Amino acid sequence: MLKAGIVGLPNVGKSTLFNAVTRTR
């Protein structure tokens, strides 16, 4: 589910989102 949402986002947004998710986890 998370992967699908991340993939849908753009490259820049993906990087930012991924960083936030990694930090939260």
PDB file of N, CA and C in Angstrom:
ATOM      1  N   MET A   1       0.845  -1.197   0.000  1.00  0.00           N
ATOM      2  CA  MET A   1       0.000   0.000   0.000  1.00  0.00           C
ATOM      3  C   MET A   1       0.887   1.256   0.000  1.00  0.00           C
ATOM      4  N   LEU A   2       1.805   1.305   0.937  1.00  0.00           N
ATOM      5  CA  LEU A   2       2.708   2.470   1.009  1.00  0.00           C
ATOM      6  C   LEU A   2       3.519   2.585  -0.271  1.00  0.00           C
ATOM      7  N   LYS A   3       4.009   1.448  -0.749  1.00  0.00           N
ATOM      8  CA  LYS A   3       4.838   1.466  -1.970  1.00  0.00           C
ATOM      9  C   LYS A   3       4.047   2.065  -3.128  1.00  0.00           C
ATOM     10  N   ALA A   4       2.789   1.663  -3.264  1.00  0.00           N
ATOM     11  CA  ALA A   4       1.963   2.166  -4.371  1.00  0.00           C
ATOM     12  C   ALA A   4       1.860   3.686  -4.277  1.00  0.00           C
ATOM     13  N   GLY A   5       1.617   4.196  -3.070  1.00  0.00           N
ATOM     14  CA  GLY A   5       1.487   5.650  -2.906  1.00  0.00           C
ATOM     15  C   GLY A   5       2.797   6.349  -3.219  1.00  0.00           C
ATOM     16  N   ILE A   6       3.893   5.782  -2.745  1.00  0.00           N
ATOM     17  CA  ILE A   6       5.202   6.400  -3.005  1.00  0.00           C
ATOM     18  C   ILE A   6       5.486   6.400  -4.505  1.00  0.00           C
ATOM     19  N   VAL A   7       5.207   5.298  -5.163  1.00  0.00           N
ATOM     20  CA  VAL A   7       5.491   5.198  -6.603  1.00  0.00           C
ATOM     21  C   VAL A   7       4.654   6.217  -7.371  1.00  0.00           C
ATOM     22  N   GLY A   8       3.417   6.438  -6.927  1.00  0.00           N
ATOM     23  CA  GLY A   8       2.542   7.391  -7.613  1.00  0.00           C
ATOM     24  C   GLY A   8       3.095   8.806  -7.526  1.00  0.00           C
ATOM     25  N   LEU A   9       3.779   9.123  -6.441  1.00  0.00           N
ATOM     26  CA  LEU A   9       4.321  10.483  -6.291  1.00  0.00           C
ATOM     27  C   LEU A   9       5.499  10.692  -7.237  1.00  0.00           C
ATOM     28  N   PRO A  10       5.823  11.965  -7.506  1.00  0.00           N
ATOM     29  CA  PRO A  10       6.950  12.284  -8.400  1.00  0.00           C
ATOM     30  C   PRO A  10       8.286  11.904  -7.772  1.00  0.00           C
ATOM     31  N   ASN A  11       9.354  12.055  -8.559  1.00  0.00           N
ATOM     32  CA  ASN A  11      10.698  11.696  -8.070  1.00  0.00           C
ATOM     33  C   ASN A  11      11.059  12.512  -6.838  1.00  0.00           C
ATOM     34  N   VAL A  12      10.931  13.832  -6.935  1.00  0.00           N
ATOM     35  CA  VAL A  12      11.279  14.700  -5.792  1.00  0.00           C
ATOM     36  C   VAL A  12      10.388  14.361  -4.605  1.00  0.00           C
ATOM     37  N   GLY A  13       9.087  14.319  -4.841  1.00  0.00           N
ATOM     38  CA  GLY A  13       8.155  14.020  -3.748  1.00  0.00           C
ATOM     39  C   GLY A  13       8.452  12.651  -3.154  1.00  0.00           C
ATOM     40  N   LYS A  14       8.793  11.705  -4.016  1.00  0.00           N
ATOM     41  CA  LYS A  14       9.094  10.346  -3.538  1.00  0.00           C
ATOM     42  C   LYS A  14      10.268  10.387  -2.563  1.00  0.00           C
ATOM     43  N   SER A  15      11.317  11.084  -2.950  1.00  0.00           N
ATOM     44  CA  SER A  15      12.518  11.145  -2.091  1.00  0.00           C
ATOM     45  C   SER A  15      12.153  11.745  -0.736  1.00  0.00           C
ATOM     46  N   THR A  16      11.423  12.868  -0.772  1.00  0.00           N
ATOM     47  CA  THR A  16      11.044  13.533   0.486  1.00  0.00           C
ATOM     48  C   THR A  16      10.158  12.614   1.317  1.00  0.00           C
ATOM     49  N   LEU A  17       9.179  12.017   0.674  1.00  0.00           N
ATOM     50  CA  LEU A  17       8.249  11.140   1.412  1.00  0.00           C
ATOM     51  C   LEU A  17       9.013   9.946   1.983  1.00  0.00           C
ATOM     52  N   PHE A  18       9.857   9.358   1.152  1.00  0.00           N
ATOM     53  CA  PHE A  18      10.619   8.183   1.611  1.00  0.00           C
ATOM     54  C   PHE A  18      11.448   8.536   2.844  1.00  0.00           C
ATOM     55  N   ASN A  19      12.101   9.694   2.792  1.00  0.00           N
ATOM     56  CA  ASN A  19      12.923  10.134   3.932  1.00  0.00           C
ATOM     57  C   ASN A  19      12.055  10.269   5.176  1.00  0.00           C
ATOM     58  N   ALA A  20      10.908  10.894   5.035  1.00  0.00           N
ATOM     59  CA  ALA A  20      10.013  11.093   6.191  1.00  0.00           C
ATOM     60  C   ALA A  20       9.572   9.734   6.738  1.00  0.00           C
ATOM     61  N   VAL A  21       9.200   8.830   5.857  1.00  0.00           N
ATOM     62  CA  VAL A  21       8.740   7.499   6.298  1.00  0.00           C
ATOM     63  C   VAL A  21       9.875   6.769   7.012  1.00  0.00           C
ATOM     64  N   THR A  22      11.058   6.842   6.440  1.00  0.00           N
ATOM     65  CA  THR A  22      12.204   6.155   7.057  1.00  0.00           C
ATOM     66  C   THR A  22      12.472   6.734   8.443  1.00  0.00           C
ATOM     67  N   ARG A  23      12.358   8.043   8.556  1.00  0.00           N
ATOM     68  CA  ARG A  23      12.620   8.695   9.856  1.00  0.00           C
ATOM     69  C   ARG A  23      11.551   8.274  10.856  1.00  0.00           C
ATOM     70  N   THR A  24      10.315   8.238  10.408  1.00  0.00           N
ATOM     71  CA  THR A  24       9.223   7.863  11.320  1.00  0.00           C
ATOM     72  C   THR A  24       9.405   6.414  11.769  1.00  0.00           C
ATOM     73  N   ARG A  25       9.819   5.555  10.845  1.00  0.00           N
ATOM     74  CA  ARG A  25       9.973   4.130  11.172  1.00  0.00           C
ATOM     75  C   ARG A  25      11.230   3.963  12.012  1.00  0.00           C
TER      76      ARG A  25
END
